[in-house]
Amino acid sequence: MKQYLKDKNFRAGLLITGIMLCVILIGLLWTPYDPNAMSGSEKLLKPSAAHLFGTDNFGRDIFSRVIQGAGATFLIAAAAVAIGLVIGLIIGGLTGYYGGVLDEILMRISDTILAFPSILLALVMIAILGKGKYNIIIALGILFIPSFARIVRSEVAKQKNTDYVRNARLMGASNMRILFLHIMPNIVPVLLSSVAIGFNNAVLSEASMSYLGVGVQPPDPSLGRLLSEAQGYLFQAPWYAICTGLAIILLILGFGLLSEGMGGE
């Protein structure tokens, strides 16, 4: 961590991400207004002290909805990345360490999945599973497995013939112990950068799918859903789209800078 803190991009990313996480955590416990409370007399109000981001076409407080929407988008992205990472670790670890026929089969499946646009595959999976945030998590999680698996496989293949692994074998350590207790901790720095990049992709994917109406369903907010709702009021209430878009940008920018600071491409 100390070596990362020397990098200005990492520090900037840590600051932006920390602020966004604090706002999201506060939003899970408290918001200035009920995000779904409508008011016919307060439609499309401009930003003010009473409503920091103004109100939408139903008189709902945009600030409250953006906070909760950012929380929904963050949790969906984090859950999807977690699924992809855990399963990718297992698959990539085993194929990278043992190789052979299993490696060939799983990597060819991975190549096939990666050959198609991720959003297109996600939409196909949502069409099969149905709309909703939990199905988005499952769909995106499955799509992230190949990328994490390939990264882990590559790193494990590099590490399995190093001196510390040979020494562990001579001392009688089992293959599973060597893989998960010796090799895996040494590839964490590479994985951290990949996780940050994966999170950015997950945020964009969730926002895109909710924007298209197949993600988080109304009245629950998510950043993509809010952006879709704001589209019809770009001239009447431009603050609606601007504030929502800014939240998406800050989430992506924070993790993007973290990834760059950790050496991600």
C-alpha atoms as a PDB file:
ATOM      1  CA  MET A   1       0.000   0.000   0.000  1.00  0.00           C
ATOM      2  CA  LYS A   2       2.835   2.432   0.818  1.00  0.00           C
ATOM      3  CA  GLN A   3       4.272   2.137  -2.674  1.00  0.00           C
ATOM      4  CA  TYR A   4       0.855   2.893  -4.169  1.00  0.00           C
ATOM      5  CA  LEU A   5       0.377   5.977  -1.979  1.00  0.00           C
ATOM      6  CA  LYS A   6       3.441   7.531  -3.613  1.00  0.00           C
ATOM      7  CA  ASP A   7       1.524   7.652  -6.907  1.00  0.00           C
ATOM      8  CA  LYS A   8      -0.587  10.809  -7.401  1.00  0.00           C
ATOM      9  CA  ASN A   9      -3.182   8.959  -9.496  1.00  0.00           C
ATOM     10  CA  PHE A  10      -3.688   6.410  -6.740  1.00  0.00           C
ATOM     11  CA  ARG A  11      -4.069   9.144  -4.120  1.00  0.00           C
ATOM     12  CA  ALA A  12      -6.571  11.032  -6.258  1.00  0.00           C
ATOM     13  CA  GLY A  13      -8.514   7.838  -6.962  1.00  0.00           C
ATOM     14  CA  LEU A  14      -8.501   6.930  -3.277  1.00  0.00           C
ATOM     15  CA  LEU A  15      -9.898  10.359  -2.381  1.00  0.00           C
ATOM     16  CA  ILE A  16     -12.663  10.295  -5.006  1.00  0.00           C
ATOM     17  CA  THR A  17     -13.595   6.686  -4.245  1.00  0.00           C
ATOM     18  CA  GLY A  18     -13.555   7.362  -0.487  1.00  0.00           C
ATOM     19  CA  ILE A  19     -15.922  10.315  -0.867  1.00  0.00           C
ATOM     20  CA  MET A  20     -18.276   8.332  -3.095  1.00  0.00           C
ATOM     21  CA  LEU A  21     -18.285   5.381  -0.695  1.00  0.00           C
ATOM     22  CA  CYS A  22     -19.059   7.679   2.245  1.00  0.00           C
ATOM     23  CA  VAL A  23     -21.976   9.213   0.331  1.00  0.00           C
ATOM     24  CA  ILE A  24     -23.238   5.752  -0.654  1.00  0.00           C
ATOM     25  CA  LEU A  25     -23.010   4.453   2.927  1.00  0.00           C
ATOM     26  CA  ILE A  26     -24.878   7.488   4.225  1.00  0.00           C
ATOM     27  CA  GLY A  27     -27.496   6.977   1.518  1.00  0.00           C
ATOM     28  CA  LEU A  28     -28.102   3.405   2.676  1.00  0.00           C
ATOM     29  CA  LEU A  29     -29.037   4.716   6.118  1.00  0.00           C
ATOM     30  CA  TRP A  30     -30.448   8.188   5.471  1.00  0.00           C
ATOM     31  CA  THR A  31     -31.537  10.486   2.643  1.00  0.00           C
ATOM     32  CA  PRO A  32     -32.901  14.048   2.885  1.00  0.00           C
ATOM     33  CA  TYR A  33     -36.220  12.884   1.381  1.00  0.00           C
ATOM     34  CA  ASP A  34     -37.896   9.611   0.594  1.00  0.00           C
ATOM     35  CA  PRO A  35     -36.396   8.829  -2.862  1.00  0.00           C
ATOM     36  CA  ASN A  36     -39.756   7.578  -4.124  1.00  0.00           C
ATOM     37  CA  ALA A  37     -41.993  10.245  -2.534  1.00  0.00           C
ATOM     38  CA  MET A  38     -43.845  12.217  -5.218  1.00  0.00           C
ATOM     39  CA  SER A  39     -45.082  15.794  -5.022  1.00  0.00           C
ATOM     40  CA  GLY A  40     -47.326  17.289  -7.693  1.00  0.00           C
ATOM     41  CA  SER A  41     -46.519  20.832  -6.576  1.00  0.00           C
ATOM     42  CA  GLU A  42     -42.735  20.420  -6.785  1.00  0.00           C
ATOM     43  CA  LYS A  43     -42.155  19.077 -10.287  1.00  0.00           C
ATOM     44  CA  LEU A  44     -38.884  19.953 -12.071  1.00  0.00           C
ATOM     45  CA  LEU A  45     -37.697  22.437  -9.466  1.00  0.00           C
ATOM     46  CA  LYS A  46     -34.230  23.892 -10.001  1.00  0.00           C
ATOM     47  CA  PRO A  47     -31.384  23.033  -7.586  1.00  0.00           C
ATOM     48  CA  SER A  48     -31.774  24.966  -4.328  1.00  0.00           C
ATOM     49  CA  ALA A  49     -31.031  24.734  -0.614  1.00  0.00           C
ATOM     50  CA  ALA A  50     -34.168  22.609  -0.181  1.00  0.00           C
ATOM     51  CA  HIS A  51     -33.364  20.309  -3.106  1.00  0.00           C
ATOM     52  CA  LEU A  52     -29.631  20.284  -3.858  1.00  0.00           C
ATOM     53  CA  PHE A  53     -30.041  18.617  -7.248  1.00  0.00           C
ATOM     54  CA  GLY A  54     -33.577  19.861  -7.915  1.00  0.00           C
ATOM     55  CA  THR A  55     -36.597  17.609  -8.442  1.00  0.00           C
ATOM     56  CA  ASP A  56     -37.721  15.344 -11.268  1.00  0.00           C
ATOM     57  CA  ASN A  57     -40.931  15.200 -13.296  1.00  0.00           C
ATOM     58  CA  PHE A  58     -42.751  13.527 -10.382  1.00  0.00           C
ATOM     59  CA  GLY A  59     -41.510  15.999  -7.794  1.00  0.00           C
ATOM     60  CA  ARG A  60     -39.053  13.503  -6.298  1.00  0.00           C
ATOM     61  CA  ASP A  61     -35.815  14.796  -4.800  1.00  0.00           C
ATOM     62  CA  ILE A  62     -33.052  14.066  -7.307  1.00  0.00           C
ATOM     63  CA  PHE A  63     -30.269  14.224  -4.721  1.00  0.00           C
ATOM     64  CA  SER A  64     -31.913  11.482  -2.650  1.00  0.00           C
ATOM     65  CA  ARG A  65     -32.495   9.365  -5.738  1.00  0.00           C
ATOM     66  CA  VAL A  66     -28.932   9.832  -7.008  1.00  0.00           C
ATOM     67  CA  ILE A  67     -27.524   8.776  -3.620  1.00  0.00           C
ATOM     68  CA  GLN A  68     -29.643   5.638  -3.535  1.00  0.00           C
ATOM     69  CA  GLY A  69     -29.107   5.021  -7.236  1.00  0.00           C
ATOM     70  CA  ALA A  70     -25.331   5.221  -6.779  1.00  0.00           C
ATOM     71  CA  GLY A  71     -25.636   2.730  -3.932  1.00  0.00           C
ATOM     72  CA  ALA A  72     -27.640   0.313  -6.094  1.00  0.00           C
ATOM     73  CA  THR A  73     -25.204   0.627  -8.991  1.00  0.00           C
ATOM     74  CA  PHE A  74     -22.205   0.185  -6.684  1.00  0.00           C
ATOM     75  CA  LEU A  75     -23.623  -2.904  -4.967  1.00  0.00           C
ATOM     76  CA  ILE A  76     -24.602  -4.535  -8.268  1.00  0.00           C
ATOM     77  CA  ALA A  77     -21.163  -3.857  -9.756  1.00  0.00           C
ATOM     78  CA  ALA A  78     -19.358  -5.057  -6.615  1.00  0.00           C
ATOM     79  CA  ALA A  79     -21.430  -8.254  -6.419  1.00  0.00           C
ATOM     80  CA  ALA A  80     -20.912  -9.026 -10.120  1.00  0.00           C
ATOM     81  CA  VAL A  81     -17.149  -8.500  -9.840  1.00  0.00           C
ATOM     82  CA  ALA A  82     -17.035 -10.648  -6.693  1.00  0.00           C
ATOM     83  CA  ILE A  83     -18.763 -13.540  -8.483  1.00  0.00           C
ATOM     84  CA  GLY A  84     -16.457 -13.266 -11.479  1.00  0.00           C
ATOM     85  CA  LEU A  85     -13.374 -12.962  -9.283  1.00  0.00           C
ATOM     86  CA  VAL A  86     -14.080 -15.917  -6.977  1.00  0.00           C
ATOM     87  CA  ILE A  87     -15.001 -18.333  -9.762  1.00  0.00           C
ATOM     88  CA  GLY A  88     -12.254 -16.926 -12.002  1.00  0.00           C
ATOM     89  CA  LEU A  89      -9.702 -17.502  -9.220  1.00  0.00           C
ATOM     90  CA  ILE A  90     -10.685 -21.146  -8.920  1.00  0.00           C
ATOM     91  CA  ILE A  91     -10.807 -21.840 -12.662  1.00  0.00           C
ATOM     92  CA  GLY A  92      -7.710 -19.801 -13.515  1.00  0.00           C
ATOM     93  CA  GLY A  93      -5.768 -21.211 -10.588  1.00  0.00           C
ATOM     94  CA  LEU A  94      -6.495 -24.829 -11.417  1.00  0.00           C
ATOM     95  CA  THR A  95      -5.916 -24.473 -15.173  1.00  0.00           C
ATOM     96  CA  GLY A  96      -2.741 -22.437 -14.707  1.00  0.00           C
ATOM     97  CA  TYR A  97      -1.289 -24.863 -12.174  1.00  0.00           C
ATOM     98  CA  TYR A  98      -2.248 -28.189 -13.750  1.00  0.00           C
ATOM     99  CA  GLY A  99      -2.620 -27.311 -17.457  1.00  0.00           C
ATOM    100  CA  GLY A 100      -3.558 -30.227 -19.707  1.00  0.00           C
ATOM    101  CA  VAL A 101      -6.904 -31.023 -21.300  1.00  0.00           C
ATOM    102  CA  LEU A 102      -8.941 -29.120 -18.682  1.00  0.00           C
ATOM    103  CA  ASP A 103      -6.935 -26.010 -19.429  1.00  0.00           C
ATOM    104  CA  GLU A 104      -7.554 -26.308 -23.164  1.00  0.00           C
ATOM    105  CA  ILE A 105     -11.306 -26.866 -22.781  1.00  0.00           C
ATOM    106  CA  LEU A 106     -11.888 -24.024 -20.310  1.00  0.00           C
ATOM    107  CA  MET A 107      -9.722 -21.546 -22.211  1.00  0.00           C
ATOM    108  CA  ARG A 108     -11.525 -22.292 -25.479  1.00  0.00           C
ATOM    109  CA  ILE A 109     -14.845 -21.672 -23.719  1.00  0.00           C
ATOM    110  CA  SER A 110     -13.368 -18.458 -22.349  1.00  0.00           C
ATOM    111  CA  ASP A 111     -12.233 -17.390 -25.838  1.00  0.00           C
ATOM    112  CA  THR A 112     -15.726 -18.023 -27.183  1.00  0.00           C
ATOM    113  CA  ILE A 113     -17.367 -15.871 -24.516  1.00  0.00           C
ATOM    114  CA  LEU A 114     -14.839 -13.059 -24.916  1.00  0.00           C
ATOM    115  CA  ALA A 115     -15.335 -13.056 -28.702  1.00  0.00           C
ATOM    116  CA  PHE A 116     -18.824 -11.554 -28.300  1.00  0.00           C
ATOM    117  CA  PRO A 117     -19.633  -8.022 -27.060  1.00  0.00           C
ATOM    118  CA  SER A 118     -20.267  -8.263 -23.314  1.00  0.00           C
ATOM    119  CA  ILE A 119     -23.368  -6.063 -23.382  1.00  0.00           C
ATOM    120  CA  LEU A 120     -24.915  -8.218 -26.113  1.00  0.00           C
ATOM    121  CA  LEU A 121     -24.288 -11.401 -24.117  1.00  0.00           C
ATOM    122  CA  ALA A 122     -25.634  -9.744 -20.967  1.00  0.00           C
ATOM    123  CA  LEU A 123     -28.822  -8.747 -22.784  1.00  0.00           C
ATOM    124  CA  VAL A 124     -29.245 -12.312 -24.062  1.00  0.00           C
ATOM    125  CA  MET A 125     -28.816 -13.668 -20.535  1.00  0.00           C
ATOM    126  CA  ILE A 126     -31.275 -11.125 -19.124  1.00  0.00           C
ATOM    127  CA  ALA A 127     -33.771 -12.150 -21.809  1.00  0.00           C
ATOM    128  CA  ILE A 128     -33.436 -15.713 -20.513  1.00  0.00           C
ATOM    129  CA  LEU A 129     -33.295 -14.959 -16.777  1.00  0.00           C
ATOM    130  CA  GLY A 130     -35.680 -11.997 -16.721  1.00  0.00           C
ATOM    131  CA  LYS A 131     -35.335  -8.364 -15.667  1.00  0.00           C
ATOM    132  CA  GLY A 132     -34.203  -7.213 -12.227  1.00  0.00           C
ATOM    133  CA  LYS A 133     -31.092  -6.368 -10.265  1.00  0.00           C
ATOM    134  CA  TYR A 134     -30.385  -9.906  -9.073  1.00  0.00           C
ATOM    135  CA  ASN A 135     -30.451 -11.268 -12.595  1.00  0.00           C
ATOM    136  CA  ILE A 136     -28.104  -8.472 -13.701  1.00  0.00           C
ATOM    137  CA  ILE A 137     -25.677  -9.499 -10.965  1.00  0.00           C
ATOM    138  CA  ILE A 138     -25.766 -13.122 -12.142  1.00  0.00           C
ATOM    139  CA  ALA A 139     -25.418 -12.187 -15.818  1.00  0.00           C
ATOM    140  CA  LEU A 140     -22.523  -9.757 -15.304  1.00  0.00           C
ATOM    141  CA  GLY A 141     -20.843 -12.085 -12.809  1.00  0.00           C
ATOM    142  CA  ILE A 142     -20.795 -14.903 -15.350  1.00  0.00           C
ATOM    143  CA  LEU A 143     -19.434 -12.581 -18.037  1.00  0.00           C
ATOM    144  CA  PHE A 144     -16.548 -11.475 -15.806  1.00  0.00           C
ATOM    145  CA  ILE A 145     -15.394 -15.039 -15.092  1.00  0.00           C
ATOM    146  CA  PRO A 146     -13.370 -15.527 -18.327  1.00  0.00           C
ATOM    147  CA  SER A 147     -11.368 -12.307 -17.994  1.00  0.00           C
ATOM    148  CA  PHE A 148     -10.413 -12.980 -14.374  1.00  0.00           C
ATOM    149  CA  ALA A 149      -9.725 -16.644 -15.127  1.00  0.00           C
ATOM    150  CA  ARG A 150      -7.299 -15.758 -17.926  1.00  0.00           C
ATOM    151  CA  ILE A 151      -5.427 -13.243 -15.751  1.00  0.00           C
ATOM    152  CA  VAL A 152      -5.115 -15.701 -12.857  1.00  0.00           C
ATOM    153  CA  ARG A 153      -4.132 -18.551 -15.193  1.00  0.00           C
ATOM    154  CA  SER A 154      -1.351 -16.470 -16.725  1.00  0.00           C
ATOM    155  CA  GLU A 155       0.041 -15.373 -13.348  1.00  0.00           C
ATOM    156  CA  VAL A 156      -0.176 -18.851 -11.789  1.00  0.00           C
ATOM    157  CA  ALA A 157       1.611 -20.362 -14.805  1.00  0.00           C
ATOM    158  CA  LYS A 158       4.444 -17.857 -14.260  1.00  0.00           C
ATOM    159  CA  GLN A 159       4.688 -18.568 -10.537  1.00  0.00           C
ATOM    160  CA  LYS A 160       4.387 -22.355 -10.424  1.00  0.00           C
ATOM    161  CA  ASN A 161       8.008 -22.985 -11.444  1.00  0.00           C
ATOM    162  CA  THR A 162       9.631 -20.376  -9.207  1.00  0.00           C
ATOM    163  CA  ASP A 163      12.046 -21.231  -6.393  1.00  0.00           C
ATOM    164  CA  TYR A 164       9.617 -20.625  -3.537  1.00  0.00           C
ATOM    165  CA  VAL A 165       7.132 -23.055  -5.088  1.00  0.00           C
ATOM    166  CA  ARG A 166       9.844 -25.700  -5.560  1.00  0.00           C
ATOM    167  CA  ASN A 167      10.877 -25.241  -1.941  1.00  0.00           C
ATOM    168  CA  ALA A 168       7.265 -25.675  -0.809  1.00  0.00           C
ATOM    169  CA  ARG A 169       7.035 -28.931  -2.778  1.00  0.00           C
ATOM    170  CA  LEU A 170      10.288 -30.213  -1.228  1.00  0.00           C
ATOM    171  CA  MET A 171       8.850 -29.486   2.217  1.00  0.00           C
ATOM    172  CA  GLY A 172       5.858 -31.690   1.399  1.00  0.00           C
ATOM    173  CA  ALA A 173       3.192 -29.038   0.832  1.00  0.00           C
ATOM    174  CA  SER A 174       0.156 -30.267  -1.108  1.00  0.00           C
ATOM    175  CA  ASN A 175      -0.713 -28.812  -4.497  1.00  0.00           C
ATOM    176  CA  MET A 176      -3.811 -27.056  -3.112  1.00  0.00           C
ATOM    177  CA  ARG A 177      -1.776 -25.533  -0.289  1.00  0.00           C
ATOM    178  CA  ILE A 178       0.879 -24.328  -2.723  1.00  0.00           C
ATOM    179  CA  LEU A 179      -1.730 -22.894  -5.074  1.00  0.00           C
ATOM    180  CA  PHE A 180      -3.956 -21.091  -2.601  1.00  0.00           C
ATOM    181  CA  LEU A 181      -1.582 -20.264   0.258  1.00  0.00           C
ATOM    182  CA  HIS A 182       1.681 -19.649  -1.588  1.00  0.00           C
ATOM    183  CA  ILE A 183       0.940 -18.606  -5.171  1.00  0.00           C
ATOM    184  CA  MET A 184      -2.365 -16.735  -4.799  1.00  0.00           C
ATOM    185  CA  PRO A 185      -1.069 -14.142  -2.288  1.00  0.00           C
ATOM    186  CA  ASN A 186       1.732 -13.287  -4.720  1.00  0.00           C
ATOM    187  CA  ILE A 187      -0.644 -12.402  -7.549  1.00  0.00           C
ATOM    188  CA  VAL A 188      -2.803 -10.076  -5.423  1.00  0.00           C
ATOM    189  CA  PRO A 189      -1.189  -6.852  -6.777  1.00  0.00           C
ATOM    190  CA  VAL A 190      -2.093  -7.838 -10.341  1.00  0.00           C
ATOM    191  CA  LEU A 191      -5.605  -8.820  -9.273  1.00  0.00           C
ATOM    192  CA  LEU A 192      -6.226  -5.525  -7.450  1.00  0.00           C
ATOM    193  CA  SER A 193      -5.647  -3.558 -10.620  1.00  0.00           C
ATOM    194  CA  SER A 194      -7.824  -5.980 -12.596  1.00  0.00           C
ATOM    195  CA  VAL A 195     -10.612  -5.741 -10.019  1.00  0.00           C
ATOM    196  CA  ALA A 196     -10.609  -1.931 -10.296  1.00  0.00           C
ATOM    197  CA  ILE A 197     -10.866  -2.160 -14.084  1.00  0.00           C
ATOM    198  CA  GLY A 198     -13.560  -4.834 -13.771  1.00  0.00           C
ATOM    199  CA  PHE A 199     -15.544  -2.631 -11.395  1.00  0.00           C
ATOM    200  CA  ASN A 200     -15.508   0.210 -13.920  1.00  0.00           C
ATOM    201  CA  ASN A 201     -16.763  -2.139 -16.623  1.00  0.00           C
ATOM    202  CA  ALA A 202     -19.473  -3.422 -14.289  1.00  0.00           C
ATOM    203  CA  VAL A 203     -20.674   0.110 -13.475  1.00  0.00           C
ATOM    204  CA  LEU A 204     -20.875   0.964 -17.182  1.00  0.00           C
ATOM    205  CA  SER A 205     -22.624  -2.328 -17.981  1.00  0.00           C
ATOM    206  CA  GLU A 206     -25.169  -1.922 -15.181  1.00  0.00           C
ATOM    207  CA  ALA A 207     -25.840   1.692 -16.147  1.00  0.00           C
ATOM    208  CA  SER A 208     -26.263   0.700 -19.797  1.00  0.00           C
ATOM    209  CA  MET A 209     -28.660  -2.141 -19.027  1.00  0.00           C
ATOM    210  CA  SER A 210     -30.727  -0.105 -16.574  1.00  0.00           C
ATOM    211  CA  TYR A 211     -30.789   2.710 -19.129  1.00  0.00           C
ATOM    212  CA  LEU A 212     -32.277   0.235 -21.614  1.00  0.00           C
ATOM    213  CA  GLY A 213     -34.886  -0.775 -19.039  1.00  0.00           C
ATOM    214  CA  VAL A 214     -33.734  -4.336 -18.320  1.00  0.00           C
ATOM    215  CA  GLY A 215     -31.907  -3.634 -15.058  1.00  0.00           C
ATOM    216  CA  VAL A 216     -33.199  -2.113 -11.836  1.00  0.00           C
ATOM    217  CA  GLN A 217     -36.927  -1.635 -12.209  1.00  0.00           C
ATOM    218  CA  PRO A 218     -38.957   1.451 -11.173  1.00  0.00           C
ATOM    219  CA  PRO A 219     -39.642   2.952  -8.748  1.00  0.00           C
ATOM    220  CA  ASP A 220     -36.240   1.848  -7.341  1.00  0.00           C
ATOM    221  CA  PRO A 221     -33.458   4.142  -8.604  1.00  0.00           C
ATOM    222  CA  SER A 222     -30.142   3.236 -10.199  1.00  0.00           C
ATOM    223  CA  LEU A 223     -27.832   5.594 -12.052  1.00  0.00           C
ATOM    224  CA  GLY A 224     -28.607   4.096 -15.450  1.00  0.00           C
ATOM    225  CA  ARG A 225     -32.338   4.213 -14.779  1.00  0.00           C
ATOM    226  CA  LEU A 226     -32.131   7.834 -13.618  1.00  0.00           C
ATOM    227  CA  LEU A 227     -30.195   8.794 -16.741  1.00  0.00           C
ATOM    228  CA  SER A 228     -32.882   7.179 -18.882  1.00  0.00           C
ATOM    229  CA  GLU A 229     -35.613   9.091 -17.059  1.00  0.00           C
ATOM    230  CA  ALA A 230     -33.660  12.354 -17.390  1.00  0.00           C
ATOM    231  CA  GLN A 231     -33.314  11.990 -21.159  1.00  0.00           C
ATOM    232  CA  GLY A 232     -36.777  13.401 -21.809  1.00  0.00           C
ATOM    233  CA  TYR A 233     -36.057  16.552 -19.793  1.00  0.00           C
ATOM    234  CA  LEU A 234     -32.650  17.639 -21.114  1.00  0.00           C
ATOM    235  CA  PHE A 235     -33.910  21.123 -21.971  1.00  0.00           C
ATOM    236  CA  GLN A 236     -36.534  21.568 -19.251  1.00  0.00           C
ATOM    237  CA  ALA A 237     -34.382  20.246 -16.419  1.00  0.00           C
ATOM    238  CA  PRO A 238     -30.763  19.728 -17.562  1.00  0.00           C
ATOM    239  CA  TRP A 239     -29.608  19.384 -13.941  1.00  0.00           C
ATOM    240  CA  TYR A 240     -31.367  16.003 -13.792  1.00  0.00           C
ATOM    241  CA  ALA A 241     -29.058  14.410 -16.382  1.00  0.00           C
ATOM    242  CA  ILE A 242     -25.982  16.406 -15.339  1.00  0.00           C
ATOM    243  CA  CYS A 243     -26.127  15.374 -11.667  1.00  0.00           C
ATOM    244  CA  THR A 244     -26.806  11.734 -12.530  1.00  0.00           C
ATOM    245  CA  GLY A 245     -24.054  11.644 -15.151  1.00  0.00           C
ATOM    246  CA  LEU A 246     -21.621  13.264 -12.724  1.00  0.00           C
ATOM    247  CA  ALA A 247     -22.222  10.485 -10.200  1.00  0.00           C
ATOM    248  CA  ILE A 248     -21.439   7.853 -12.851  1.00  0.00           C
ATOM    249  CA  ILE A 249     -18.315   9.735 -13.930  1.00  0.00           C
ATOM    250  CA  LEU A 250     -17.011  10.038 -10.357  1.00  0.00           C
ATOM    251  CA  LEU A 251     -17.540   6.328  -9.642  1.00  0.00           C
ATOM    252  CA  ILE A 252     -15.670   5.361 -12.805  1.00  0.00           C
ATOM    253  CA  LEU A 253     -12.985   8.029 -12.426  1.00  0.00           C
ATOM    254  CA  GLY A 254     -12.152   7.022  -8.851  1.00  0.00           C
ATOM    255  CA  PHE A 255     -11.610   3.362  -9.637  1.00  0.00           C
ATOM    256  CA  GLY A 256      -9.931   4.220 -12.940  1.00  0.00           C
ATOM    257  CA  LEU A 257      -7.316   6.326 -11.141  1.00  0.00           C
ATOM    258  CA  LEU A 258      -6.852   3.585  -8.546  1.00  0.00           C
ATOM    259  CA  SER A 259      -6.199   1.085 -11.325  1.00  0.00           C
ATOM    260  CA  GLU A 260      -3.753   3.403 -13.058  1.00  0.00           C
ATOM    261  CA  GLY A 261      -1.961   4.057  -9.776  1.00  0.00           C
ATOM    262  CA  MET A 262      -1.601   0.306  -9.214  1.00  0.00           C
ATOM    263  CA  GLY A 263      -0.102  -0.186 -12.649  1.00  0.00           C
ATOM    264  CA  GLY A 264      -3.224  -1.214 -14.569  1.00  0.00           C
ATOM    265  CA  GLU A 265      -3.339  -0.752 -18.294  1.00  0.00           C
END
